[in-house]
PDB file of N, CA and C in Angstrom:
ATOM      1  N   MET A   1     189.629  97.186 -74.414  1.00  0.00           N
ATOM      2  CA  MET A   1     188.652  98.043 -75.050  1.00  0.00           C
ATOM      3  C   MET A   1     188.184  97.491 -76.389  1.00  0.00           C
ATOM      4  N   ALA A   2     188.988  96.644 -77.002  1.00  0.00           N
ATOM      5  CA  ALA A   2     188.601  96.063 -78.289  1.00  0.00           C
ATOM      6  C   ALA A   2     187.364  95.185 -78.124  1.00  0.00           C
ATOM      7  N   ILE A   3     187.254  94.504 -76.989  1.00  0.00           N
ATOM      8  CA  ILE A   3     186.087  93.643 -76.756  1.00  0.00           C
ATOM      9  C   ILE A   3     184.810  94.472 -76.631  1.00  0.00           C
ATOM     10  N   VAL A   4     184.919  95.646 -76.006  1.00  0.00           N
ATOM     11  CA  VAL A   4     183.756  96.523 -75.867  1.00  0.00           C
ATOM     12  C   VAL A   4     183.317  97.019 -77.239  1.00  0.00           C
ATOM     13  N   GLU A   5     184.265  97.334 -78.097  1.00  0.00           N
ATOM     14  CA  GLU A   5     183.950  97.767 -79.467  1.00  0.00           C
ATOM     15  C   GLU A   5     183.251  96.644 -80.233  1.00  0.00           C
ATOM     16  N   GLN A   6     183.736  95.421 -80.068  1.00  0.00           N
ATOM     17  CA  GLN A   6     183.105  94.287 -80.749  1.00  0.00           C
ATOM     18  C   GLN A   6     181.683  94.044 -80.234  1.00  0.00           C
ATOM     19  N   ILE A   7     181.499  94.156 -78.927  1.00  0.00           N
ATOM     20  CA  ILE A   7     180.161  93.997 -78.348  1.00  0.00           C
ATOM     21  C   ILE A   7     179.229  95.060 -78.896  1.00  0.00           C
ATOM     22  N   SER A   8     179.729  96.271 -79.003  1.00  0.00           N
ATOM     23  CA  SER A   8     178.942  97.368 -79.541  1.00  0.00           C
ATOM     24  C   SER A   8     178.540  97.099 -80.990  1.00  0.00           C
ATOM     25  N   LYS A   9     179.449  96.568 -81.773  1.00  0.00           N
ATOM     26  CA  LYS A   9     179.144  96.235 -83.173  1.00  0.00           C
ATOM     27  C   LYS A   9     178.125  95.101 -83.263  1.00  0.00           C
ATOM     28  N   VAL A  10     178.214  94.135 -82.365  1.00  0.00           N
ATOM     29  CA  VAL A  10     177.243  93.042 -82.336  1.00  0.00           C
ATOM     30  C   VAL A  10     175.852  93.582 -82.004  1.00  0.00           C
ATOM     31  N   ILE A  11     175.793  94.490 -81.032  1.00  0.00           N
ATOM     32  CA  ILE A  11     174.506  95.097 -80.676  1.00  0.00           C
ATOM     33  C   ILE A  11     173.930  95.855 -81.869  1.00  0.00           C
ATOM     34  N   ASP A  12     174.763  96.602 -82.582  1.00  0.00           N
ATOM     35  CA  ASP A  12     174.301  97.328 -83.765  1.00  0.00           C
ATOM     36  C   ASP A  12     173.742  96.361 -84.818  1.00  0.00           C
ATOM     37  N   ALA A  13     174.427  95.241 -85.027  1.00  0.00           N
ATOM     38  CA  ALA A  13     173.950  94.248 -85.992  1.00  0.00           C
ATOM     39  C   ALA A  13     172.632  93.622 -85.526  1.00  0.00           C
ATOM     40  N   LEU A  14     172.541  93.353 -84.230  1.00  0.00           N
ATOM     41  CA  LEU A  14     171.296  92.790 -83.701  1.00  0.00           C
ATOM     42  C   LEU A  14     170.128  93.763 -83.831  1.00  0.00           C
ATOM     43  N   VAL A  15     170.416  95.054 -83.715  1.00  0.00           N
ATOM     44  CA  VAL A  15     169.356  96.054 -83.883  1.00  0.00           C
ATOM     45  C   VAL A  15     168.830  96.023 -85.314  1.00  0.00           C
ATOM     46  N   ILE A  16     169.712  95.861 -86.282  1.00  0.00           N
ATOM     47  CA  ILE A  16     169.267  95.761 -87.677  1.00  0.00           C
ATOM     48  C   ILE A  16     168.345  94.568 -87.839  1.00  0.00           C
ATOM     49  N   ILE A  17     168.736  93.434 -87.281  1.00  0.00           N
ATOM     50  CA  ILE A  17     167.907  92.230 -87.350  1.00  0.00           C
ATOM     51  C   ILE A  17     166.584  92.463 -86.625  1.00  0.00           C
ATOM     52  N   LEU A  18     166.649  93.111 -85.473  1.00  0.00           N
ATOM     53  CA  LEU A  18     165.454  93.412 -84.691  1.00  0.00           C
ATOM     54  C   LEU A  18     164.479  94.278 -85.483  1.00  0.00           C
ATOM     55  N   LEU A  19     164.982  95.303 -86.136  1.00  0.00           N
ATOM     56  CA  LEU A  19     164.122  96.212 -86.887  1.00  0.00           C
ATOM     57  C   LEU A  19     163.512  95.539 -88.115  1.00  0.00           C
ATOM     58  N   ILE A  20     164.286  94.731 -88.807  1.00  0.00           N
ATOM     59  CA  ILE A  20     163.748  93.998 -89.961  1.00  0.00           C
ATOM     60  C   ILE A  20     162.691  93.002 -89.501  1.00  0.00           C
ATOM     61  N   THR A  21     162.968  92.296 -88.409  1.00  0.00           N
ATOM     62  CA  THR A  21     161.991  91.358 -87.847  1.00  0.00           C
ATOM     63  C   THR A  21     160.723  92.093 -87.445  1.00  0.00           C
ATOM     64  N   GLY A  22     160.878  93.240 -86.824  1.00  0.00           N
ATOM     65  CA  GLY A  22     159.721  94.035 -86.410  1.00  0.00           C
ATOM     66  C   GLY A  22     158.882  94.483 -87.580  1.00  0.00           C
ATOM     67  N   LEU A  23     159.530  94.909 -88.648  1.00  0.00           N
ATOM     68  CA  LEU A  23     158.788  95.318 -89.838  1.00  0.00           C
ATOM     69  C   LEU A  23     158.013  94.151 -90.426  1.00  0.00           C
ATOM     70  N   LEU A  24     158.665  93.003 -90.537  1.00  0.00           N
ATOM     71  CA  LEU A  24     157.988  91.820 -91.080  1.00  0.00           C
ATOM     72  C   LEU A  24     156.840  91.365 -90.179  1.00  0.00           C
ATOM     73  N   ALA A  25     157.067  91.369 -88.868  1.00  0.00           N
ATOM     74  CA  ALA A  25     156.007  90.978 -87.927  1.00  0.00           C
ATOM     75  C   ALA A  25     154.836  91.947 -88.011  1.00  0.00           C
ATOM     76  N   SER A  26     155.121  93.218 -88.154  1.00  0.00           N
ATOM     77  CA  SER A  26     154.059  94.225 -88.258  1.00  0.00           C
ATOM     78  C   SER A  26     153.226  94.009 -89.511  1.00  0.00           C
ATOM     79  N   ILE A  27     153.892  93.703 -90.598  1.00  0.00           N
ATOM     80  CA  ILE A  27     153.181  93.449 -91.852  1.00  0.00           C
ATOM     81  C   ILE A  27     152.308  92.206 -91.730  1.00  0.00           C
ATOM     82  N   VAL A  28     152.863  91.136 -91.165  1.00  0.00           N
ATOM     83  CA  VAL A  28     152.101  89.887 -91.012  1.00  0.00           C
ATOM     84  C   VAL A  28     150.880  90.101 -90.125  1.00  0.00           C
ATOM     85  N   LEU A  29     151.061  90.792 -88.995  1.00  0.00           N
ATOM     86  CA  LEU A  29     149.937  91.035 -88.094  1.00  0.00           C
ATOM     87  C   LEU A  29     148.890  91.956 -88.726  1.00  0.00           C
ATOM     88  N   ALA A  30     149.333  92.922 -89.510  1.00  0.00           N
ATOM     89  CA  ALA A  30     148.390  93.808 -90.202  1.00  0.00           C
ATOM     90  C   ALA A  30     147.595  93.025 -91.245  1.00  0.00           C
ATOM     91  N   ILE A  31     148.244  92.124 -91.962  1.00  0.00           N
ATOM     92  CA  ILE A  31     147.532  91.296 -92.948  1.00  0.00           C
ATOM     93  C   ILE A  31     146.524  90.393 -92.246  1.00  0.00           C
ATOM     94  N   ARG A  32     146.919  89.820 -91.118  1.00  0.00           N
ATOM     95  CA  ARG A  32     145.991  88.981 -90.354  1.00  0.00           C
ATOM     96  C   ARG A  32     144.795  89.806 -89.884  1.00  0.00           C
ATOM     97  N   GLU A  33     145.059  91.011 -89.395  1.00  0.00           N
ATOM     98  CA  GLU A  33     143.981  91.898 -88.956  1.00  0.00           C
ATOM     99  C   GLU A  33     143.069  92.259 -90.120  1.00  0.00           C
ATOM    100  N   PHE A  34     143.640  92.458 -91.285  1.00  0.00           N
ATOM    101  CA  PHE A  34     142.858  92.786 -92.480  1.00  0.00           C
ATOM    102  C   PHE A  34     141.860  91.678 -92.789  1.00  0.00           C
ATOM    103  N   HIS A  35     142.316  90.434 -92.700  1.00  0.00           N
ATOM    104  CA  HIS A  35     141.446  89.304 -93.021  1.00  0.00           C
ATOM    105  C   HIS A  35     140.413  89.022 -91.939  1.00  0.00           C
ATOM    106  N   GLN A  36     140.679  89.432 -90.701  1.00  0.00           N
ATOM    107  CA  GLN A  36     139.752  89.174 -89.598  1.00  0.00           C
ATOM    108  C   GLN A  36     138.741  90.289 -89.390  1.00  0.00           C
ATOM    109  N   THR A  37     138.906  91.412 -90.076  1.00  0.00           N
ATOM    110  CA  THR A  37     138.047  92.564 -89.872  1.00  0.00           C
ATOM    111  C   THR A  37     136.978  92.620 -90.961  1.00  0.00           C
ATOM    112  N   ASN A  38     135.783  92.996 -90.553  1.00  0.00           N
ATOM    113  CA  ASN A  38     134.687  93.151 -91.500  1.00  0.00           C
ATOM    114  C   ASN A  38     134.671  94.561 -92.065  1.00  0.00           C
ATOM    115  N   GLY A  39     134.022  94.726 -93.185  1.00  0.00           N
ATOM    116  CA  GLY A  39     133.894  96.035 -93.812  1.00  0.00           C
ATOM    117  C   GLY A  39     134.558  96.044 -95.169  1.00  0.00           C
ATOM    118  N   ASN A  40     134.428  97.175 -95.842  1.00  0.00           N
ATOM    119  CA  ASN A  40     135.046  97.245 -97.162  1.00  0.00           C
ATOM    120  C   ASN A  40     136.556  97.455 -97.036  1.00  0.00           C
ATOM    121  N   TRP A  41     137.222  97.345 -98.153  1.00  0.00           N
ATOM    122  CA  TRP A  41     138.681  97.385 -98.180  1.00  0.00           C
ATOM    123  C   TRP A  41     139.223  98.675 -97.592  1.00  0.00           C
ATOM    124  N   ALA A  42     138.670  99.818 -98.000  1.00  0.00           N
ATOM    125  CA  ALA A  42     139.179 101.116 -97.561  1.00  0.00           C
ATOM    126  C   ALA A  42     139.013 101.305 -96.057  1.00  0.00           C
ATOM    127  N   GLU A  43     137.878 100.877 -95.511  1.00  0.00           N
ATOM    128  CA  GLU A  43     137.654 101.004 -94.064  1.00  0.00           C
ATOM    129  C   GLU A  43     138.621 100.138 -93.278  1.00  0.00           C
ATOM    130  N   ARG A  44     138.834  98.926 -93.747  1.00  0.00           N
ATOM    131  CA  ARG A  44     139.724  98.015 -93.027  1.00  0.00           C
ATOM    132  C   ARG A  44     141.170  98.499 -93.058  1.00  0.00           C
ATOM    133  N   ILE A  45     141.628  98.930 -94.232  1.00  0.00           N
ATOM    134  CA  ILE A  45     143.043  99.301 -94.363  1.00  0.00           C
ATOM    135  C   ILE A  45     143.354 100.584 -93.601  1.00  0.00           C
ATOM    136  N   SER A  46     142.397 101.496 -93.501  1.00  0.00           N
ATOM    137  CA  SER A  46     142.664 102.763 -92.816  1.00  0.00           C
ATOM    138  C   SER A  46     142.305 102.719 -91.340  1.00  0.00           C
ATOM    139  N   GLY A  47     141.574 101.708 -90.916  1.00  0.00           N
ATOM    140  CA  GLY A  47     141.155 101.609 -89.520  1.00  0.00           C
ATOM    141  C   GLY A  47     141.990 100.624 -88.731  1.00  0.00           C
ATOM    142  N   PRO A  48     141.423  99.460 -88.443  1.00  0.00           N
ATOM    143  CA  PRO A  48     142.089  98.497 -87.565  1.00  0.00           C
ATOM    144  C   PRO A  48     143.417  97.970 -88.094  1.00  0.00           C
ATOM    145  N   VAL A  49     143.543  97.860 -89.399  1.00  0.00           N
ATOM    146  CA  VAL A  49     144.798  97.345 -89.962  1.00  0.00           C
ATOM    147  C   VAL A  49     145.929  98.344 -89.719  1.00  0.00           C
ATOM    148  N   LEU A  50     145.665  99.602 -89.994  1.00  0.00           N
ATOM    149  CA  LEU A  50     146.680 100.637 -89.789  1.00  0.00           C
ATOM    150  C   LEU A  50     147.040 100.770 -88.311  1.00  0.00           C
ATOM    151  N   ILE A  51     146.044 100.694 -87.448  1.00  0.00           N
ATOM    152  CA  ILE A  51     146.295 100.788 -86.008  1.00  0.00           C
ATOM    153  C   ILE A  51     147.178  99.627 -85.545  1.00  0.00           C
ATOM    154  N   LYS A  52     146.840  98.415 -85.967  1.00  0.00           N
ATOM    155  CA  LYS A  52     147.631  97.234 -85.596  1.00  0.00           C
ATOM    156  C   LYS A  52     149.066  97.376 -86.096  1.00  0.00           C
ATOM    157  N   PHE A  53     149.218  97.830 -87.325  1.00  0.00           N
ATOM    158  CA  PHE A  53     150.547  98.008 -87.906  1.00  0.00           C
ATOM    159  C   PHE A  53     151.346  99.045 -87.123  1.00  0.00           C
ATOM    160  N   ARG A  54     150.737 100.193 -86.829  1.00  0.00           N
ATOM    161  CA  ARG A  54     151.434 101.271 -86.121  1.00  0.00           C
ATOM    162  C   ARG A  54     151.858 100.848 -84.720  1.00  0.00           C
ATOM    163  N   ILE A  55     150.976 100.178 -83.999  1.00  0.00           N
ATOM    164  CA  ILE A  55     151.299  99.758 -82.634  1.00  0.00           C
ATOM    165  C   ILE A  55     152.425  98.730 -82.642  1.00  0.00           C
ATOM    166  N   THR A  56     152.309  97.739 -83.503  1.00  0.00           N
ATOM    167  CA  THR A  56     153.322  96.683 -83.539  1.00  0.00           C
ATOM    168  C   THR A  56     154.676  97.226 -83.982  1.00  0.00           C
ATOM    169  N   LEU A  57     154.691  97.991 -85.060  1.00  0.00           N
ATOM    170  CA  LEU A  57     155.951  98.541 -85.543  1.00  0.00           C
ATOM    171  C   LEU A  57     156.546  99.511 -84.528  1.00  0.00           C
ATOM    172  N   GLY A  58     155.709 100.296 -83.895  1.00  0.00           N
ATOM    173  CA  GLY A  58     156.184 101.233 -82.875  1.00  0.00           C
ATOM    174  C   GLY A  58     156.880 100.530 -81.725  1.00  0.00           C
ATOM    175  N   ARG A  59     156.323  99.419 -81.288  1.00  0.00           N
ATOM    176  CA  ARG A  59     156.964  98.662 -80.192  1.00  0.00           C
ATOM    177  C   ARG A  59     158.328  98.125 -80.608  1.00  0.00           C
ATOM    178  N   TRP A  60     158.422  97.620 -81.822  1.00  0.00           N
ATOM    179  CA  TRP A  60     159.696  97.106 -82.304  1.00  0.00           C
ATOM    180  C   TRP A  60     160.711  98.235 -82.464  1.00  0.00           C
ATOM    181  N   LEU A  61     160.272  99.380 -82.982  1.00  0.00           N
ATOM    182  CA  LEU A  61     161.167 100.531 -83.104  1.00  0.00           C
ATOM    183  C   LEU A  61     161.667 100.991 -81.736  1.00  0.00           C
ATOM    184  N   LEU A  62     160.775 100.987 -80.772  1.00  0.00           N
ATOM    185  CA  LEU A  62     161.150 101.381 -79.416  1.00  0.00           C
ATOM    186  C   LEU A  62     162.209 100.441 -78.858  1.00  0.00           C
ATOM    187  N   ALA A  63     162.046  99.159 -79.065  1.00  0.00           N
ATOM    188  CA  ALA A  63     163.051  98.191 -78.612  1.00  0.00           C
ATOM    189  C   ALA A  63     164.390  98.441 -79.305  1.00  0.00           C
ATOM    190  N   GLY A  64     164.350  98.738 -80.604  1.00  0.00           N
ATOM    191  CA  GLY A  64     165.578  99.025 -81.338  1.00  0.00           C
ATOM    192  C   GLY A  64     166.275 100.285 -80.833  1.00  0.00           C
ATOM    193  N   LEU A  65     165.487 101.332 -80.564  1.00  0.00           N
ATOM    194  CA  LEU A  65     166.070 102.571 -80.035  1.00  0.00           C
ATOM    195  C   LEU A  65     166.737 102.339 -78.686  1.00  0.00           C
ATOM    196  N   GLU A  66     166.097 101.567 -77.833  1.00  0.00           N
ATOM    197  CA  GLU A  66     166.672 101.295 -76.519  1.00  0.00           C
ATOM    198  C   GLU A  66     167.967 100.498 -76.633  1.00  0.00           C
ATOM    199  N   ALA A  67     168.002  99.546 -77.558  1.00  0.00           N
ATOM    200  CA  ALA A  67     169.238  98.788 -77.767  1.00  0.00           C
ATOM    201  C   ALA A  67     170.339  99.678 -78.331  1.00  0.00           C
ATOM    202  N   LEU A  68     169.977 100.606 -79.206  1.00  0.00           N
ATOM    203  CA  LEU A  68     170.975 101.528 -79.748  1.00  0.00           C
ATOM    204  C   LEU A  68     171.545 102.451 -78.674  1.00  0.00           C
ATOM    205  N   ILE A  69     170.737 102.783 -77.687  1.00  0.00           N
ATOM    206  CA  ILE A  69     171.237 103.598 -76.577  1.00  0.00           C
ATOM    207  C   ILE A  69     172.315 102.827 -75.815  1.00  0.00           C
ATOM    208  N   VAL A  70     172.101 101.532 -75.620  1.00  0.00           N
ATOM    209  CA  VAL A  70     173.124 100.700 -74.964  1.00  0.00           C
ATOM    210  C   VAL A  70     174.406 100.716 -75.793  1.00  0.00           C
ATOM    211  N   SER A  71     174.265 100.575 -77.093  1.00  0.00           N
ATOM    212  CA  SER A  71     175.430 100.611 -77.978  1.00  0.00           C
ATOM    213  C   SER A  71     176.149 101.958 -77.881  1.00  0.00           C
ATOM    214  N   ASP A  72     175.397 103.044 -77.813  1.00  0.00           N
ATOM    215  CA  ASP A  72     176.002 104.373 -77.696  1.00  0.00           C
ATOM    216  C   ASP A  72     176.771 104.535 -76.385  1.00  0.00           C
ATOM    217  N   VAL A  73     176.230 103.997 -75.320  1.00  0.00           N
ATOM    218  CA  VAL A  73     176.927 104.069 -74.031  1.00  0.00           C
ATOM    219  C   VAL A  73     178.246 103.304 -74.111  1.00  0.00           C
ATOM    220  N   LEU A  74     178.226 102.147 -74.766  1.00  0.00           N
ATOM    221  CA  LEU A  74     179.471 101.400 -74.945  1.00  0.00           C
ATOM    222  C   LEU A  74     180.467 102.180 -75.793  1.00  0.00           C
ATOM    223  N   HIS A  75     179.978 102.875 -76.832  1.00  0.00           N
ATOM    224  CA  HIS A  75     180.858 103.716 -77.642  1.00  0.00           C
ATOM    225  C   HIS A  75     181.492 104.814 -76.795  1.00  0.00           C
ATOM    226  N   SER A  76     180.738 105.354 -75.856  1.00  0.00           N
ATOM    227  CA  SER A  76     181.294 106.428 -75.024  1.00  0.00           C
ATOM    228  C   SER A  76     182.376 105.911 -74.077  1.00  0.00           C
ATOM    229  N   ILE A  77     182.300 104.643 -73.727  1.00  0.00           N
ATOM    230  CA  ILE A  77     183.357 104.052 -72.897  1.00  0.00           C
ATOM    231  C   ILE A  77     184.657 103.959 -73.690  1.00  0.00           C
ATOM    232  N   ILE A  78     184.544 103.657 -74.963  1.00  0.00           N
ATOM    233  CA  ILE A  78     185.717 103.478 -75.816  1.00  0.00           C
ATOM    234  C   ILE A  78     186.345 104.826 -76.170  1.00  0.00           C
ATOM    235  N   HIS A  79     185.521 105.771 -76.583  1.00  0.00           N
ATOM    236  CA  HIS A  79     185.991 107.083 -77.043  1.00  0.00           C
ATOM    237  C   HIS A  79     185.803 108.085 -75.917  1.00  0.00           C
ATOM    238  N   ARG A  80     186.866 108.387 -75.224  1.00  0.00           N
ATOM    239  CA  ARG A  80     186.760 109.206 -74.016  1.00  0.00           C
ATOM    240  C   ARG A  80     187.152 110.666 -74.212  1.00  0.00           C
ATOM    241  N   THR A  81     187.345 111.103 -75.431  1.00  0.00           N
ATOM    242  CA  THR A  81     187.643 112.519 -75.606  1.00  0.00           C
ATOM    243  C   THR A  81     186.362 113.310 -75.374  1.00  0.00           C
ATOM    244  N   LEU A  82     186.528 114.540 -74.954  1.00  0.00           N
ATOM    245  CA  LEU A  82     185.374 115.373 -74.657  1.00  0.00           C
ATOM    246  C   LEU A  82     184.474 115.551 -75.877  1.00  0.00           C
ATOM    247  N   ASN A  83     185.077 115.702 -77.036  1.00  0.00           N
ATOM    248  CA  ASN A  83     184.307 115.853 -78.268  1.00  0.00           C
ATOM    249  C   ASN A  83     183.481 114.597 -78.560  1.00  0.00           C
ATOM    250  N   GLU A  84     184.091 113.430 -78.462  1.00  0.00           N
ATOM    251  CA  GLU A  84     183.392 112.165 -78.719  1.00  0.00           C
ATOM    252  C   GLU A  84     182.266 111.929 -77.720  1.00  0.00           C
ATOM    253  N   VAL A  85     182.531 112.201 -76.450  1.00  0.00           N
ATOM    254  CA  VAL A  85     181.508 112.015 -75.418  1.00  0.00           C
ATOM    255  C   VAL A  85     180.342 112.975 -75.653  1.00  0.00           C
ATOM    256  N   ALA A  86     180.641 114.200 -76.082  1.00  0.00           N
ATOM    257  CA  ALA A  86     179.575 115.167 -76.377  1.00  0.00           C
ATOM    258  C   ALA A  86     178.716 114.688 -77.538  1.00  0.00           C
ATOM    259  N   ILE A  87     179.348 114.153 -78.567  1.00  0.00           N
ATOM    260  CA  ILE A  87     178.599 113.644 -79.718  1.00  0.00           C
ATOM    261  C   ILE A  87     177.732 112.460 -79.306  1.00  0.00           C
ATOM    262  N   VAL A  88     178.308 111.524 -78.572  1.00  0.00           N
ATOM    263  CA  VAL A  88     177.539 110.366 -78.108  1.00  0.00           C
ATOM    264  C   VAL A  88     176.414 110.811 -77.176  1.00  0.00           C
ATOM    265  N   GLY A  89     176.691 111.784 -76.316  1.00  0.00           N
ATOM    266  CA  GLY A  89     175.660 112.314 -75.425  1.00  0.00           C
ATOM    267  C   GLY A  89     174.503 112.921 -76.195  1.00  0.00           C
ATOM    268  N   ALA A  90     174.823 113.648 -77.254  1.00  0.00           N
ATOM    269  CA  ALA A  90     173.765 114.244 -78.080  1.00  0.00           C
ATOM    270  C   ALA A  90     172.945 113.161 -78.774  1.00  0.00           C
ATOM    271  N   ILE A  91     173.611 112.137 -79.280  1.00  0.00           N
ATOM    272  CA  ILE A  91     172.902 111.037 -79.942  1.00  0.00           C
ATOM    273  C   ILE A  91     172.002 110.314 -78.950  1.00  0.00           C
ATOM    274  N   VAL A  92     172.513 110.051 -77.752  1.00  0.00           N
ATOM    275  CA  VAL A  92     171.704 109.394 -76.716  1.00  0.00           C
ATOM    276  C   VAL A  92     170.504 110.264 -76.349  1.00  0.00           C
ATOM    277  N   ALA A  93     170.709 111.557 -76.224  1.00  0.00           N
ATOM    278  CA  ALA A  93     169.605 112.463 -75.889  1.00  0.00           C
ATOM    279  C   ALA A  93     168.532 112.444 -76.980  1.00  0.00           C
ATOM    280  N   ILE A  94     168.952 112.475 -78.230  1.00  0.00           N
ATOM    281  CA  ILE A  94     167.994 112.432 -79.341  1.00  0.00           C
ATOM    282  C   ILE A  94     167.249 111.106 -79.353  1.00  0.00           C
ATOM    283  N   ARG A  95     167.961 110.017 -79.188  1.00  0.00           N
ATOM    284  CA  ARG A  95     167.305 108.694 -79.202  1.00  0.00           C
ATOM    285  C   ARG A  95     166.376 108.530 -78.005  1.00  0.00           C
ATOM    286  N   THR A  96     166.772 109.070 -76.860  1.00  0.00           N
ATOM    287  CA  THR A  96     165.905 109.002 -75.680  1.00  0.00           C
ATOM    288  C   THR A  96     164.633 109.808 -75.913  1.00  0.00           C
ATOM    289  N   ALA A  97     164.765 110.985 -76.495  1.00  0.00           N
ATOM    290  CA  ALA A  97     163.581 111.799 -76.806  1.00  0.00           C
ATOM    291  C   ALA A  97     162.689 111.088 -77.816  1.00  0.00           C
ATOM    292  N   LEU A  98     163.288 110.495 -78.838  1.00  0.00           N
ATOM    293  CA  LEU A  98     162.496 109.737 -79.814  1.00  0.00           C
ATOM    294  C   LEU A  98     161.758 108.578 -79.138  1.00  0.00           C
ATOM    295  N   ALA A  99     162.445 107.870 -78.265  1.00  0.00           N
ATOM    296  CA  ALA A  99     161.816 106.751 -77.559  1.00  0.00           C
ATOM    297  C   ALA A  99     160.660 107.238 -76.694  1.00  0.00           C
ATOM    298  N   TYR A 100     160.854 108.359 -76.009  1.00  0.00           N
ATOM    299  CA  TYR A 100     159.794 108.902 -75.155  1.00  0.00           C
ATOM    300  C   TYR A 100     158.552 109.260 -75.973  1.00  0.00           C
ATOM    301  N   PHE A 101     158.753 109.999 -77.054  1.00  0.00           N
ATOM    302  CA  PHE A 101     157.610 110.417 -77.857  1.00  0.00           C
ATOM    303  C   PHE A 101     156.979 109.249 -78.615  1.00  0.00           C
ATOM    304  N   LEU A 102     157.786 108.276 -78.996  1.00  0.00           N
ATOM    305  CA  LEU A 102     157.239 107.082 -79.636  1.00  0.00           C
ATOM    306  C   LEU A 102     156.377 106.302 -78.650  1.00  0.00           C
ATOM    307  N   GLU A 103     156.838 106.185 -77.422  1.00  0.00           N
ATOM    308  CA  GLU A 103     156.049 105.498 -76.385  1.00  0.00           C
ATOM    309  C   GLU A 103     154.728 106.234 -76.147  1.00  0.00           C
ATOM    310  N   ARG A 104     154.773 107.544 -76.103  1.00  0.00           N
ATOM    311  CA  ARG A 104     153.540 108.336 -75.934  1.00  0.00           C
ATOM    312  C   ARG A 104     152.585 108.115 -77.100  1.00  0.00           C
ATOM    313  N   GLU A 105     153.113 108.079 -78.314  1.00  0.00           N
ATOM    314  CA  GLU A 105     152.273 107.874 -79.498  1.00  0.00           C
ATOM    315  C   GLU A 105     151.641 106.485 -79.480  1.00  0.00           C
ATOM    316  N   ILE A 106     152.428 105.479 -79.113  1.00  0.00           N
ATOM    317  CA  ILE A 106     151.893 104.116 -79.037  1.00  0.00           C
ATOM    318  C   ILE A 106     150.776 104.060 -78.000  1.00  0.00           C
ATOM    319  N   SER A 107     151.001 104.653 -76.839  1.00  0.00           N
ATOM    320  CA  SER A 107     149.967 104.667 -75.795  1.00  0.00           C
ATOM    321  C   SER A 107     148.722 105.398 -76.272  1.00  0.00           C
ATOM    322  N   HIS A 108     148.913 106.508 -76.978  1.00  0.00           N
ATOM    323  CA  HIS A 108     147.780 107.283 -77.501  1.00  0.00           C
ATOM    324  C   HIS A 108     146.971 106.452 -78.500  1.00  0.00           C
ATOM    325  N   VAL A 109     147.659 105.766 -79.397  1.00  0.00           N
ATOM    326  CA  VAL A 109     146.971 104.932 -80.395  1.00  0.00           C
ATOM    327  C   VAL A 109     146.258 103.781 -79.697  1.00  0.00           C
ATOM    328  N   GLU A 110     146.921 103.140 -78.731  1.00  0.00           N
ATOM    329  CA  GLU A 110     146.286 102.031 -78.010  1.00  0.00           C
ATOM    330  C   GLU A 110     145.061 102.499 -77.230  1.00  0.00           C
ATOM    331  N   ASN A 111     145.164 103.615 -76.540  1.00  0.00           N
ATOM    332  CA  ASN A 111     144.041 104.120 -75.763  1.00  0.00           C
ATOM    333  C   ASN A 111     142.905 104.558 -76.671  1.00  0.00           C
ATOM    334  N   GLY A 112     143.214 105.153 -77.793  1.00  0.00           N
ATOM    335  CA  GLY A 112     142.179 105.546 -78.756  1.00  0.00           C
ATOM    336  C   GLY A 112     141.504 104.329 -79.335  1.00  0.00           C
ATOM    337  N   ASN A 113     142.277 103.295 -79.566  1.00  0.00           N
ATOM    338  CA  ASN A 113     141.725 102.064 -80.123  1.00  0.00           C
ATOM    339  C   ASN A 113     140.857 101.351 -79.103  1.00  0.00           C
ATOM    340  N   SER A 114     141.279 101.308 -77.833  1.00  0.00           N
ATOM    341  CA  SER A 114     140.480 100.625 -76.820  1.00  0.00           C
ATOM    342  C   SER A 114     139.222 101.411 -76.477  1.00  0.00           C
ATOM    343  N   ALA A 115     139.243 102.719 -76.665  1.00  0.00           N
ATOM    344  CA  ALA A 115     138.057 103.537 -76.388  1.00  0.00           C
ATOM    345  C   ALA A 115     136.973 103.288 -77.423  1.00  0.00           C
ATOM    346  N   ARG A 116     137.374 102.879 -78.649  1.00  0.00           N
ATOM    347  CA  ARG A 116     136.405 102.627 -79.717  1.00  0.00           C
ATOM    348  C   ARG A 116     135.767 101.256 -79.615  1.00  0.00           C
ATOM    349  N   THR A 117     136.431 100.301 -78.979  1.00  0.00           N
ATOM    350  CA  THR A 117     135.902  98.939 -78.936  1.00  0.00           C
ATOM    351  C   THR A 117     135.028  98.702 -77.745  1.00  0.00           C
TER     352      THR A 117
END
C-alpha cells in the first residue's frame, strides 16, 4: 500500500505542475492573441484575448481535475474506513461536478466564439 500512496503523491505533484503550465500557456496564448487581433486595447482585451485565455485555462483546469480524481481513487484504496471512503467519495463527487460544469462552460464559450466568426 505504500507504493500506492507514493503514486498518489506523484500524481498530486504532477497536477501542480500541470496547473502552473496551463496558467503560463494560457497567458502566452492570450498575449499572442492580443498581438494578432485588430482594434483598440479595451476591445481586444475583453473580447478575443479573454475568450482565448478562458478556453485554454479551462482545458488545463479540466485535465488537472481529472488527474486529481485518479489521485482520490488511489487514496480510497489506501484508506478503507467508512469515514475515509465517504470523505473521498464526496471530494470525487465535487470534483466530478466541477469538471462537468467546467466542460459545459468551455463548450459554451467555444460555441459562442465560433458563432461570432
